[in-house]
Amino acid sequence: MIDIQERKDGVSFTVHVLPRSSKCALAGIQDGAIKLKLTSPPVDGRANEECVEFLAELLGVKKGQIGIISGQKSRNKIVRIEGLTKDTLEADISVLLQAVLPKKAEGKKDHQVIKHK
């Protein structure tokens, strides 16, 4: 499961990103972190921007509510989302993962939950 820290203004959790992937996709959970595939390269903060945009799209929040607390130059990032509770985030991620995990179990290559524009 995801290691989510509740804060007074929202939640924080770890995201493991795979930049330069063929598509943006939620790829599952790895070592307590949400694993995201991103198409942008890790150059000039483009992968970080795409990470924020994709998480906002996945979770239905505004980009301004999301910030990368640490790991700006790492694949492992700690992300903060304002205005969400731990329970809400766990429920949202659980629903999204249910769409991903059955496809992985069936051996299908497309594990994408939501295509990033």
PDB file of N, CA and C in Angstrom:
ATOM      1  N   MET A   1       0.837  -1.183   0.000  1.00  0.00           N
ATOM      2  CA  MET A   1       0.000   0.000   0.000  1.00  0.00           C
ATOM      3  C   MET A   1       0.879   1.242   0.000  1.00  0.00           C
ATOM      4  N   ILE A   2       0.282   2.365  -0.248  1.00  0.00           N
ATOM      5  CA  ILE A   2       0.996   3.631  -0.334  1.00  0.00           C
ATOM      6  C   ILE A   2       1.230   4.188   1.068  1.00  0.00           C
ATOM      7  N   ASP A   3       2.428   4.713   1.289  1.00  0.00           N
ATOM      8  CA  ASP A   3       2.753   5.371   2.549  1.00  0.00           C
ATOM      9  C   ASP A   3       2.318   6.831   2.443  1.00  0.00           C
ATOM     10  N   ILE A   4       1.179   7.162   3.051  1.00  0.00           N
ATOM     11  CA  ILE A   4       0.610   8.511   2.978  1.00  0.00           C
ATOM     12  C   ILE A   4       0.745   9.178   4.341  1.00  0.00           C
ATOM     13  N   GLN A   5       1.283  10.383   4.343  1.00  0.00           N
ATOM     14  CA  GLN A   5       1.416  11.166   5.567  1.00  0.00           C
ATOM     15  C   GLN A   5       0.330  12.239   5.580  1.00  0.00           C
ATOM     16  N   GLU A   6      -0.446  12.258   6.653  1.00  0.00           N
ATOM     17  CA  GLU A   6      -1.484  13.290   6.783  1.00  0.00           C
ATOM     18  C   GLU A   6      -0.835  14.552   7.353  1.00  0.00           C
ATOM     19  N   ARG A   7      -1.138  15.688   6.740  1.00  0.00           N
ATOM     20  CA  ARG A   7      -0.637  16.992   7.178  1.00  0.00           C
ATOM     21  C   ARG A   7      -1.837  17.859   7.525  1.00  0.00           C
ATOM     22  N   LYS A   8      -1.587  18.974   8.188  1.00  0.00           N
ATOM     23  CA  LYS A   8      -2.729  19.820   8.569  1.00  0.00           C
ATOM     24  C   LYS A   8      -3.415  20.443   7.360  1.00  0.00           C
ATOM     25  N   ASP A   9      -2.681  20.615   6.244  1.00  0.00           N
ATOM     26  CA  ASP A   9      -3.270  21.229   5.055  1.00  0.00           C
ATOM     27  C   ASP A   9      -3.528  20.237   3.923  1.00  0.00           C
ATOM     28  N   GLY A  10      -3.285  18.952   4.161  1.00  0.00           N
ATOM     29  CA  GLY A  10      -3.489  17.956   3.108  1.00  0.00           C
ATOM     30  C   GLY A  10      -2.722  16.681   3.391  1.00  0.00           C
ATOM     31  N   VAL A  11      -2.143  16.108   2.338  1.00  0.00           N
ATOM     32  CA  VAL A  11      -1.413  14.850   2.465  1.00  0.00           C
ATOM     33  C   VAL A  11      -0.109  14.932   1.679  1.00  0.00           C
ATOM     34  N   SER A  12       0.835  14.045   2.035  1.00  0.00           N
ATOM     35  CA  SER A  12       2.052  13.897   1.245  1.00  0.00           C
ATOM     36  C   SER A  12       2.331  12.409   1.083  1.00  0.00           C
ATOM     37  N   PHE A  13       2.987  12.074  -0.018  1.00  0.00           N
ATOM     38  CA  PHE A  13       3.289  10.683  -0.329  1.00  0.00           C
ATOM     39  C   PHE A  13       4.420  10.651  -1.348  1.00  0.00           C
ATOM     40  N   THR A  14       4.978   9.463  -1.560  1.00  0.00           N
ATOM     41  CA  THR A  14       6.088   9.303  -2.494  1.00  0.00           C
ATOM     42  C   THR A  14       5.573   8.863  -3.853  1.00  0.00           C
ATOM     43  N   VAL A  15       6.176   9.439  -4.880  1.00  0.00           N
ATOM     44  CA  VAL A  15       5.882   9.072  -6.262  1.00  0.00           C
ATOM     45  C   VAL A  15       7.189   8.644  -6.906  1.00  0.00           C
ATOM     46  N   HIS A  16       7.184   7.513  -7.580  1.00  0.00           N
ATOM     47  CA  HIS A  16       8.341   7.050  -8.355  1.00  0.00           C
ATOM     48  C   HIS A  16       8.002   7.267  -9.822  1.00  0.00           C
ATOM     49  N   VAL A  17       8.785   8.120 -10.505  1.00  0.00           N
ATOM     50  CA  VAL A  17       8.485   8.436 -11.899  1.00  0.00           C
ATOM     51  C   VAL A  17       9.442   7.728 -12.853  1.00  0.00           C
ATOM     52  N   LEU A  18       8.903   7.384 -14.007  1.00  0.00           N
ATOM     53  CA  LEU A  18       9.677   6.791 -15.092  1.00  0.00           C
ATOM     54  C   LEU A  18       9.586   7.741 -16.282  1.00  0.00           C
ATOM     55  N   PRO A  19      10.530   8.705 -16.377  1.00  0.00           N
ATOM     56  CA  PRO A  19      10.475   9.665 -17.478  1.00  0.00           C
ATOM     57  C   PRO A  19      10.804   9.007 -18.812  1.00  0.00           C
ATOM     58  N   ARG A  20      10.475   9.711 -19.881  1.00  0.00           N
ATOM     59  CA  ARG A  20      10.719   9.246 -21.251  1.00  0.00           C
ATOM     60  C   ARG A  20      10.028   7.919 -21.558  1.00  0.00           C
ATOM     61  N   SER A  21       8.881   7.693 -20.961  1.00  0.00           N
ATOM     62  CA  SER A  21       8.088   6.500 -21.279  1.00  0.00           C
ATOM     63  C   SER A  21       7.306   6.763 -22.562  1.00  0.00           C
ATOM     64  N   SER A  22       6.756   5.717 -23.140  1.00  0.00           N
ATOM     65  CA  SER A  22       6.011   5.871 -24.392  1.00  0.00           C
ATOM     66  C   SER A  22       4.670   6.571 -24.186  1.00  0.00           C
ATOM     67  N   LYS A  23       4.139   6.540 -22.952  1.00  0.00           N
ATOM     68  CA  LYS A  23       2.873   7.207 -22.652  1.00  0.00           C
ATOM     69  C   LYS A  23       2.816   7.525 -21.166  1.00  0.00           C
ATOM     70  N   CYS A  24       1.939   8.446 -20.811  1.00  0.00           N
ATOM     71  CA  CYS A  24       1.695   8.747 -19.400  1.00  0.00           C
ATOM     72  C   CYS A  24       0.713   7.716 -18.867  1.00  0.00           C
ATOM     73  N   ALA A  25       1.053   7.113 -17.737  1.00  0.00           N
ATOM     74  CA  ALA A  25       0.174   6.095 -17.183  1.00  0.00           C
ATOM     75  C   ALA A  25       0.475   5.875 -15.710  1.00  0.00           C
ATOM     76  N   LEU A  26      -0.537   5.490 -14.976  1.00  0.00           N
ATOM     77  CA  LEU A  26      -0.370   4.995 -13.625  1.00  0.00           C
ATOM     78  C   LEU A  26       0.095   3.559 -13.771  1.00  0.00           C
ATOM     79  N   ALA A  27       1.283   3.252 -13.239  1.00  0.00           N
ATOM     80  CA  ALA A  27       1.873   1.936 -13.455  1.00  0.00           C
ATOM     81  C   ALA A  27       1.815   1.036 -12.227  1.00  0.00           C
ATOM     82  N   GLY A  28       1.180   1.488 -11.144  1.00  0.00           N
ATOM     83  CA  GLY A  28       1.035   0.643  -9.969  1.00  0.00           C
ATOM     84  C   GLY A  28       1.686   1.247  -8.741  1.00  0.00           C
ATOM     85  N   ILE A  29       2.054   0.354  -7.805  1.00  0.00           N
ATOM     86  CA  ILE A  29       2.696   0.744  -6.553  1.00  0.00           C
ATOM     87  C   ILE A  29       4.041   0.045  -6.489  1.00  0.00           C
ATOM     88  N   GLN A  30       5.062   0.786  -6.057  1.00  0.00           N
ATOM     89  CA  GLN A  30       6.395   0.204  -5.912  1.00  0.00           C
ATOM     90  C   GLN A  30       6.996   0.702  -4.604  1.00  0.00           C
ATOM     91  N   ASP A  31       7.285  -0.196  -3.692  1.00  0.00           N
ATOM     92  CA  ASP A  31       7.908   0.142  -2.409  1.00  0.00           C
ATOM     93  C   ASP A  31       7.177   1.273  -1.678  1.00  0.00           C
ATOM     94  N   GLY A  32       5.854   1.213  -1.631  1.00  0.00           N
ATOM     95  CA  GLY A  32       5.059   2.205  -0.928  1.00  0.00           C
ATOM     96  C   GLY A  32       4.858   3.509  -1.672  1.00  0.00           C
ATOM     97  N   ALA A  33       5.297   3.557  -2.933  1.00  0.00           N
ATOM     98  CA  ALA A  33       5.172   4.776  -3.738  1.00  0.00           C
ATOM     99  C   ALA A  33       4.270   4.531  -4.937  1.00  0.00           C
ATOM    100  N   ILE A  34       3.583   5.585  -5.367  1.00  0.00           N
ATOM    101  CA  ILE A  34       2.810   5.520  -6.603  1.00  0.00           C
ATOM    102  C   ILE A  34       3.800   5.571  -7.754  1.00  0.00           C
ATOM    103  N   LYS A  35       3.669   4.654  -8.684  1.00  0.00           N
ATOM    104  CA  LYS A  35       4.583   4.586  -9.827  1.00  0.00           C
ATOM    105  C   LYS A  35       3.891   5.183 -11.047  1.00  0.00           C
ATOM    106  N   LEU A  36       4.510   6.231 -11.628  1.00  0.00           N
ATOM    107  CA  LEU A  36       3.948   6.913 -12.789  1.00  0.00           C
ATOM    108  C   LEU A  36       4.901   6.846 -13.972  1.00  0.00           C
ATOM    109  N   LYS A  37       4.357   6.543 -15.138  1.00  0.00           N
ATOM    110  CA  LYS A  37       5.112   6.650 -16.382  1.00  0.00           C
ATOM    111  C   LYS A  37       4.823   8.027 -16.963  1.00  0.00           C
ATOM    112  N   LEU A  38       5.873   8.732 -17.363  1.00  0.00           N
ATOM    113  CA  LEU A  38       5.736  10.070 -17.937  1.00  0.00           C
ATOM    114  C   LEU A  38       6.463  10.130 -19.270  1.00  0.00           C
ATOM    115  N   THR A  39       5.939  10.876 -20.214  1.00  0.00           N
ATOM    116  CA  THR A  39       6.573  10.969 -21.531  1.00  0.00           C
ATOM    117  C   THR A  39       7.685  12.010 -21.570  1.00  0.00           C
ATOM    118  N   SER A  40       7.636  12.998 -20.711  1.00  0.00           N
ATOM    119  CA  SER A  40       8.632  14.069 -20.735  1.00  0.00           C
ATOM    120  C   SER A  40       9.991  13.587 -20.248  1.00  0.00           C
ATOM    121  N   PRO A  41      11.065  14.185 -20.786  1.00  0.00           N
ATOM    122  CA  PRO A  41      12.403  13.861 -20.290  1.00  0.00           C
ATOM    123  C   PRO A  41      12.670  14.623 -18.990  1.00  0.00           C
ATOM    124  N   PRO A  42      13.601  14.136 -18.185  1.00  0.00           N
ATOM    125  CA  PRO A  42      13.924  14.826 -16.933  1.00  0.00           C
ATOM    126  C   PRO A  42      14.877  15.998 -17.183  1.00  0.00           C
ATOM    127  N   VAL A  43      14.457  16.922 -18.035  1.00  0.00           N
ATOM    128  CA  VAL A  43      15.282  18.062 -18.422  1.00  0.00           C
ATOM    129  C   VAL A  43      14.502  19.348 -18.154  1.00  0.00           C
ATOM    130  N   ASP A  44      15.159  20.310 -17.522  1.00  0.00           N
ATOM    131  CA  ASP A  44      14.555  21.624 -17.261  1.00  0.00           C
ATOM    132  C   ASP A  44      13.216  21.531 -16.528  1.00  0.00           C
ATOM    133  N   GLY A  45      13.052  20.543 -15.668  1.00  0.00           N
ATOM    134  CA  GLY A  45      11.836  20.415 -14.873  1.00  0.00           C
ATOM    135  C   GLY A  45      10.609  19.940 -15.627  1.00  0.00           C
ATOM    136  N   ARG A  46      10.785  19.502 -16.880  1.00  0.00           N
ATOM    137  CA  ARG A  46       9.610  19.092 -17.666  1.00  0.00           C
ATOM    138  C   ARG A  46       8.929  17.857 -17.090  1.00  0.00           C
ATOM    139  N   ALA A  47       9.703  16.882 -16.612  1.00  0.00           N
ATOM    140  CA  ALA A  47       9.089  15.683 -16.022  1.00  0.00           C
ATOM    141  C   ALA A  47       8.354  16.046 -14.729  1.00  0.00           C
ATOM    142  N   ASN A  48       8.897  16.979 -13.955  1.00  0.00           N
ATOM    143  CA  ASN A  48       8.217  17.421 -12.732  1.00  0.00           C
ATOM    144  C   ASN A  48       6.889  18.094 -13.060  1.00  0.00           C
ATOM    145  N   GLU A  49       6.893  18.955 -14.074  1.00  0.00           N
ATOM    146  CA  GLU A  49       5.652  19.615 -14.490  1.00  0.00           C
ATOM    147  C   GLU A  49       4.617  18.591 -14.937  1.00  0.00           C
ATOM    148  N   GLU A  50       5.069  17.617 -15.719  1.00  0.00           N
ATOM    149  CA  GLU A  50       4.137  16.600 -16.200  1.00  0.00           C
ATOM    150  C   GLU A  50       3.635  15.738 -15.046  1.00  0.00           C
ATOM    151  N   CYS A  51       4.487  15.465 -14.072  1.00  0.00           N
ATOM    152  CA  CYS A  51       4.082  14.695 -12.892  1.00  0.00           C
ATOM    153  C   CYS A  51       2.942  15.411 -12.166  1.00  0.00           C
ATOM    154  N   VAL A  52       3.089  16.708 -11.951  1.00  0.00           N
ATOM    155  CA  VAL A  52       2.051  17.496 -11.274  1.00  0.00           C
ATOM    156  C   VAL A  52       0.769  17.512 -12.103  1.00  0.00           C
ATOM    157  N   GLU A  53       0.900  17.764 -13.407  1.00  0.00           N
ATOM    158  CA  GLU A  53      -0.278  17.811 -14.283  1.00  0.00           C
ATOM    159  C   GLU A  53      -1.005  16.468 -14.318  1.00  0.00           C
ATOM    160  N   PHE A  54      -0.245  15.381 -14.408  1.00  0.00           N
ATOM    161  CA  PHE A  54      -0.853  14.058 -14.501  1.00  0.00           C
ATOM    162  C   PHE A  54      -1.533  13.669 -13.189  1.00  0.00           C
ATOM    163  N   LEU A  55      -0.882  13.948 -12.052  1.00  0.00           N
ATOM    164  CA  LEU A  55      -1.519  13.662 -10.762  1.00  0.00           C
ATOM    165  C   LEU A  55      -2.802  14.474 -10.595  1.00  0.00           C
ATOM    166  N   ALA A  56      -2.779  15.736 -11.021  1.00  0.00           N
ATOM    167  CA  ALA A  56      -3.984  16.569 -10.935  1.00  0.00           C
ATOM    168  C   ALA A  56      -5.108  15.955 -11.760  1.00  0.00           C
ATOM    169  N   GLU A  57      -4.770  15.489 -12.953  1.00  0.00           N
ATOM    170  CA  GLU A  57      -5.766  14.859 -13.827  1.00  0.00           C
ATOM    171  C   GLU A  57      -6.285  13.556 -13.218  1.00  0.00           C
ATOM    172  N   LEU A  58      -5.378  12.724 -12.710  1.00  0.00           N
ATOM    173  CA  LEU A  58      -5.781  11.442 -12.119  1.00  0.00           C
ATOM    174  C   LEU A  58      -6.700  11.626 -10.916  1.00  0.00           C
ATOM    175  N   LEU A  59      -6.347  12.587 -10.058  1.00  0.00           N
ATOM    176  CA  LEU A  59      -7.040  12.730  -8.777  1.00  0.00           C
ATOM    177  C   LEU A  59      -8.135  13.792  -8.787  1.00  0.00           C
ATOM    178  N   GLY A  60      -8.296  14.479  -9.897  1.00  0.00           N
ATOM    179  CA  GLY A  60      -9.359  15.471  -9.996  1.00  0.00           C
ATOM    180  C   GLY A  60      -9.160  16.693  -9.123  1.00  0.00           C
ATOM    181  N   VAL A  61      -7.907  17.122  -8.969  1.00  0.00           N
ATOM    182  CA  VAL A  61      -7.609  18.330  -8.203  1.00  0.00           C
ATOM    183  C   VAL A  61      -6.938  19.345  -9.126  1.00  0.00           C
ATOM    184  N   LYS A  62      -6.820  20.576  -8.653  1.00  0.00           N
ATOM    185  CA  LYS A  62      -6.158  21.617  -9.435  1.00  0.00           C
ATOM    186  C   LYS A  62      -4.643  21.474  -9.307  1.00  0.00           C
ATOM    187  N   LYS A  63      -3.940  21.840 -10.370  1.00  0.00           N
ATOM    188  CA  LYS A  63      -2.475  21.768 -10.351  1.00  0.00           C
ATOM    189  C   LYS A  63      -1.885  22.593  -9.214  1.00  0.00           C
ATOM    190  N   GLY A  64      -2.533  23.703  -8.882  1.00  0.00           N
ATOM    191  CA  GLY A  64      -2.048  24.569  -7.818  1.00  0.00           C
ATOM    192  C   GLY A  64      -2.098  23.935  -6.436  1.00  0.00           C
ATOM    193  N   GLN A  65      -2.871  22.865  -6.282  1.00  0.00           N
ATOM    194  CA  GLN A  65      -2.961  22.165  -5.002  1.00  0.00           C
ATOM    195  C   GLN A  65      -1.809  21.186  -4.810  1.00  0.00           C
ATOM    196  N   ILE A  66      -1.043  20.924  -5.867  1.00  0.00           N
ATOM    197  CA  ILE A  66       0.005  19.907  -5.829  1.00  0.00           C
ATOM    198  C   ILE A  66       1.372  20.566  -5.859  1.00  0.00           C
ATOM    199  N   GLY A  67       2.262  20.087  -5.001  1.00  0.00           N
ATOM    200  CA  GLY A  67       3.637  20.573  -4.996  1.00  0.00           C
ATOM    201  C   GLY A  67       4.600  19.429  -4.751  1.00  0.00           C
ATOM    202  N   ILE A  68       5.771  19.531  -5.344  1.00  0.00           N
ATOM    203  CA  ILE A  68       6.821  18.541  -5.095  1.00  0.00           C
ATOM    204  C   ILE A  68       7.673  19.085  -3.954  1.00  0.00           C
ATOM    205  N   ILE A  69       7.618  18.412  -2.806  1.00  0.00           N
ATOM    206  CA  ILE A  69       8.329  18.855  -1.608  1.00  0.00           C
ATOM    207  C   ILE A  69       9.818  18.564  -1.730  1.00  0.00           C
ATOM    208  N   SER A  70      10.146  17.361  -2.198  1.00  0.00           N
ATOM    209  CA  SER A  70      11.552  16.996  -2.375  1.00  0.00           C
ATOM    210  C   SER A  70      11.670  16.012  -3.529  1.00  0.00           C
ATOM    211  N   GLY A  71      12.876  15.913  -4.060  1.00  0.00           N
ATOM    212  CA  GLY A  71      13.135  14.993  -5.157  1.00  0.00           C
ATOM    213  C   GLY A  71      12.980  15.625  -6.523  1.00  0.00           C
ATOM    214  N   GLN A  72      13.165  16.943  -6.610  1.00  0.00           N
ATOM    215  CA  GLN A  72      13.012  17.616  -7.896  1.00  0.00           C
ATOM    216  C   GLN A  72      13.955  17.057  -8.958  1.00  0.00           C
ATOM    217  N   LYS A  73      15.093  16.519  -8.547  1.00  0.00           N
ATOM    218  CA  LYS A  73      16.060  15.975  -9.505  1.00  0.00           C
ATOM    219  C   LYS A  73      16.246  14.475  -9.318  1.00  0.00           C
ATOM    220  N   SER A  74      15.220  13.829  -8.798  1.00  0.00           N
ATOM    221  CA  SER A  74      15.267  12.393  -8.531  1.00  0.00           C
ATOM    222  C   SER A  74      14.021  11.729  -9.102  1.00  0.00           C
ATOM    223  N   ARG A  75      14.107  10.443  -9.334  1.00  0.00           N
ATOM    224  CA  ARG A  75      12.913   9.703  -9.767  1.00  0.00           C
ATOM    225  C   ARG A  75      11.935   9.516  -8.616  1.00  0.00           C
ATOM    226  N   ASN A  76      12.451   9.515  -7.387  1.00  0.00           N
ATOM    227  CA  ASN A  76      11.595   9.400  -6.207  1.00  0.00           C
ATOM    228  C   ASN A  76      11.314  10.790  -5.666  1.00  0.00           C
ATOM    229  N   LYS A  77      10.051  11.157  -5.628  1.00  0.00           N
ATOM    230  CA  LYS A  77       9.636  12.492  -5.227  1.00  0.00           C
ATOM    231  C   LYS A  77       8.639  12.401  -4.080  1.00  0.00           C
ATOM    232  N   ILE A  78       8.697  13.357  -3.190  1.00  0.00           N
ATOM    233  CA  ILE A  78       7.659  13.474  -2.174  1.00  0.00           C
ATOM    234  C   ILE A  78       6.737  14.589  -2.637  1.00  0.00           C
ATOM    235  N   VAL A  79       5.470  14.235  -2.799  1.00  0.00           N
ATOM    236  CA  VAL A  79       4.469  15.145  -3.345  1.00  0.00           C
ATOM    237  C   VAL A  79       3.471  15.507  -2.253  1.00  0.00           C
ATOM    238  N   ARG A  80       3.094  16.788  -2.220  1.00  0.00           N
ATOM    239  CA  ARG A  80       2.083  17.268  -1.277  1.00  0.00           C
ATOM    240  C   ARG A  80       0.846  17.672  -2.070  1.00  0.00           C
ATOM    241  N   ILE A  81      -0.317  17.280  -1.580  1.00  0.00           N
ATOM    242  CA  ILE A  81      -1.573  17.724  -2.182  1.00  0.00           C
ATOM    243  C   ILE A  81      -2.404  18.381  -1.091  1.00  0.00           C
ATOM    244  N   GLU A  82      -2.723  19.640  -1.307  1.00  0.00           N
ATOM    245  CA  GLU A  82      -3.537  20.390  -0.349  1.00  0.00           C
ATOM    246  C   GLU A  82      -5.010  20.050  -0.540  1.00  0.00           C
ATOM    247  N   GLY A  83      -5.728  20.011   0.569  1.00  0.00           N
ATOM    248  CA  GLY A  83      -7.175  19.841   0.507  1.00  0.00           C
ATOM    249  C   GLY A  83      -7.665  18.411   0.396  1.00  0.00           C
ATOM    250  N   LEU A  84      -6.766  17.438   0.457  1.00  0.00           N
ATOM    251  CA  LEU A  84      -7.178  16.030   0.432  1.00  0.00           C
ATOM    252  C   LEU A  84      -6.895  15.399   1.780  1.00  0.00           C
ATOM    253  N   THR A  85      -7.710  14.427   2.151  1.00  0.00           N
ATOM    254  CA  THR A  85      -7.442  13.646   3.356  1.00  0.00           C
ATOM    255  C   THR A  85      -6.797  12.330   2.950  1.00  0.00           C
ATOM    256  N   LYS A  86      -6.199  11.683   3.913  1.00  0.00           N
ATOM    257  CA  LYS A  86      -5.581  10.380   3.669  1.00  0.00           C
ATOM    258  C   LYS A  86      -6.623   9.383   3.161  1.00  0.00           C
ATOM    259  N   ASP A  87      -7.795   9.377   3.781  1.00  0.00           N
ATOM    260  CA  ASP A  87      -8.855   8.443   3.381  1.00  0.00           C
ATOM    261  C   ASP A  87      -9.313   8.679   1.947  1.00  0.00           C
ATOM    262  N   THR A  88      -9.456   9.945   1.567  1.00  0.00           N
ATOM    263  CA  THR A  88      -9.880  10.272   0.203  1.00  0.00           C
ATOM    264  C   THR A  88      -8.838   9.827  -0.810  1.00  0.00           C
ATOM    265  N   LEU A  89      -7.565  10.124  -0.526  1.00  0.00           N
ATOM    266  CA  LEU A  89      -6.495   9.730  -1.448  1.00  0.00           C
ATOM    267  C   LEU A  89      -6.418   8.216  -1.578  1.00  0.00           C
ATOM    268  N   GLU A  90      -6.491   7.499  -0.456  1.00  0.00           N
ATOM    269  CA  GLU A  90      -6.447   6.033  -0.505  1.00  0.00           C
ATOM    270  C   GLU A  90      -7.595   5.479  -1.345  1.00  0.00           C
ATOM    271  N   ALA A  91      -8.787   6.028  -1.175  1.00  0.00           N
ATOM    272  CA  ALA A  91      -9.945   5.554  -1.940  1.00  0.00           C
ATOM    273  C   ALA A  91      -9.773   5.841  -3.427  1.00  0.00           C
ATOM    274  N   ASP A  92      -9.316   7.050  -3.761  1.00  0.00           N
ATOM    275  CA  ASP A  92      -9.119   7.409  -5.168  1.00  0.00           C
ATOM    276  C   ASP A  92      -8.069   6.524  -5.830  1.00  0.00           C
ATOM    277  N   ILE A  93      -6.948   6.324  -5.149  1.00  0.00           N
ATOM    278  CA  ILE A  93      -5.873   5.495  -5.712  1.00  0.00           C
ATOM    279  C   ILE A  93      -6.330   4.050  -5.837  1.00  0.00           C
ATOM    280  N   SER A  94      -7.084   3.564  -4.865  1.00  0.00           N
ATOM    281  CA  SER A  94      -7.589   2.195  -4.916  1.00  0.00           C
ATOM    282  C   SER A  94      -8.450   1.968  -6.154  1.00  0.00           C
ATOM    283  N   VAL A  95      -9.340   2.913  -6.442  1.00  0.00           N
ATOM    284  CA  VAL A  95     -10.198   2.806  -7.630  1.00  0.00           C
ATOM    285  C   VAL A  95      -9.353   2.812  -8.897  1.00  0.00           C
ATOM    286  N   LEU A  96      -8.379   3.717  -8.969  1.00  0.00           N
ATOM    287  CA  LEU A  96      -7.517   3.796 -10.153  1.00  0.00           C
ATOM    288  C   LEU A  96      -6.694   2.525 -10.332  1.00  0.00           C
ATOM    289  N   LEU A  97      -6.185   1.982  -9.233  1.00  0.00           N
ATOM    290  CA  LEU A  97      -5.367   0.769  -9.318  1.00  0.00           C
ATOM    291  C   LEU A  97      -6.182  -0.448  -9.731  1.00  0.00           C
ATOM    292  N   GLN A  98      -7.454  -0.490  -9.367  1.00  0.00           N
ATOM    293  CA  GLN A  98      -8.293  -1.613  -9.783  1.00  0.00           C
ATOM    294  C   GLN A  98      -8.397  -1.681 -11.293  1.00  0.00           C
ATOM    295  N   ALA A  99      -8.288  -0.539 -11.945  1.00  0.00           N
ATOM    296  CA  ALA A  99      -8.311  -0.515 -13.408  1.00  0.00           C
ATOM    297  C   ALA A  99      -6.981  -0.975 -13.989  1.00  0.00           C
ATOM    298  N   VAL A 100      -5.886  -0.807 -13.238  1.00  0.00           N
ATOM    299  CA  VAL A 100      -4.546  -1.148 -13.719  1.00  0.00           C
ATOM    300  C   VAL A 100      -4.193  -2.604 -13.436  1.00  0.00           C
ATOM    301  N   LEU A 101      -4.383  -3.045 -12.206  1.00  0.00           N
ATOM    302  CA  LEU A 101      -3.888  -4.359 -11.791  1.00  0.00           C
ATOM    303  C   LEU A 101      -4.506  -5.535 -12.533  1.00  0.00           C
ATOM    304  N   PRO A 102      -5.805  -5.542 -12.834  1.00  0.00           N
ATOM    305  CA  PRO A 102      -6.335  -6.681 -13.594  1.00  0.00           C
ATOM    306  C   PRO A 102      -5.684  -6.808 -14.973  1.00  0.00           C
ATOM    307  N   LYS A 103      -5.374  -5.695 -15.604  1.00  0.00           N
ATOM    308  CA  LYS A 103      -4.725  -5.745 -16.914  1.00  0.00           C
ATOM    309  C   LYS A 103      -3.329  -6.328 -16.798  1.00  0.00           C
ATOM    310  N   LYS A 104      -2.612  -5.983 -15.725  1.00  0.00           N
ATOM    311  CA  LYS A 104      -1.275  -6.538 -15.522  1.00  0.00           C
ATOM    312  C   LYS A 104      -1.365  -8.048 -15.311  1.00  0.00           C
ATOM    313  N   ALA A 105      -2.349  -8.480 -14.529  1.00  0.00           N
ATOM    314  CA  ALA A 105      -2.504  -9.906 -14.250  1.00  0.00           C
ATOM    315  C   ALA A 105      -2.822 -10.693 -15.513  1.00  0.00           C
ATOM    316  N   GLU A 106      -3.536 -10.063 -16.435  1.00  0.00           N
ATOM    317  CA  GLU A 106      -3.881 -10.728 -17.687  1.00  0.00           C
ATOM    318  C   GLU A 106      -2.737 -10.689 -18.690  1.00  0.00           C
ATOM    319  N   GLY A 107      -1.666  -9.981 -18.358  1.00  0.00           N
ATOM    320  CA  GLY A 107      -0.517  -9.907 -19.244  1.00  0.00           C
ATOM    321  C   GLY A 107      -0.661  -8.907 -20.368  1.00  0.00           C
ATOM    322  N   LYS A 108      -1.626  -8.024 -20.263  1.00  0.00           N
ATOM    323  CA  LYS A 108      -1.800  -7.005 -21.299  1.00  0.00           C
ATOM    324  C   LYS A 108      -0.739  -5.922 -21.128  1.00  0.00           C
ATOM    325  N   LYS A 109      -0.299  -5.378 -22.244  1.00  0.00           N
ATOM    326  CA  LYS A 109       0.748  -4.369 -22.200  1.00  0.00           C
ATOM    327  C   LYS A 109       0.229  -2.994 -21.826  1.00  0.00           C
ATOM    328  N   ASP A 110      -1.007  -2.689 -22.113  1.00  0.00           N
ATOM    329  CA  ASP A 110      -1.536  -1.355 -21.863  1.00  0.00           C
ATOM    330  C   ASP A 110      -2.077  -1.269 -20.443  1.00  0.00           C
ATOM    331  N   HIS A 111      -1.346  -0.611 -19.570  1.00  0.00           N
ATOM    332  CA  HIS A 111      -1.728  -0.490 -18.165  1.00  0.00           C
ATOM    333  C   HIS A 111      -2.231   0.908 -17.873  1.00  0.00           C
ATOM    334  N   GLN A 112      -2.517   1.657 -18.887  1.00  0.00           N
ATOM    335  CA  GLN A 112      -2.866   3.058 -18.742  1.00  0.00           C
ATOM    336  C   GLN A 112      -4.237   3.229 -18.111  1.00  0.00           C
ATOM    337  N   VAL A 113      -4.330   4.136 -17.160  1.00  0.00           N
ATOM    338  CA  VAL A 113      -5.605   4.457 -16.545  1.00  0.00           C
ATOM    339  C   VAL A 113      -6.215   5.655 -17.251  1.00  0.00           C
ATOM    340  N   ILE A 114      -5.482   6.737 -17.344  1.00  0.00           N
ATOM    341  CA  ILE A 114      -5.965   7.946 -17.994  1.00  0.00           C
ATOM    342  C   ILE A 114      -4.846   8.479 -18.873  1.00  0.00           C
ATOM    343  N   LYS A 115      -5.150   8.716 -20.111  1.00  0.00           N
ATOM    344  CA  LYS A 115      -4.152   9.269 -21.033  1.00  0.00           C
ATOM    345  C   LYS A 115      -4.012  10.757 -20.780  1.00  0.00           C
ATOM    346  N   HIS A 116      -2.791  11.185 -20.575  1.00  0.00           N
ATOM    347  CA  HIS A 116      -2.482  12.598 -20.362  1.00  0.00           C
ATOM    348  C   HIS A 116      -2.484  13.316 -21.695  1.00  0.00           C
ATOM    349  N   LYS A 117      -3.056  14.488 -21.735  1.00  0.00           N
ATOM    350  CA  LYS A 117      -3.174  15.235 -22.993  1.00  0.00           C
ATOM    351  C   LYS A 117      -1.877  15.897 -23.377  1.00  0.00           C
TER     352      LYS A 117
END
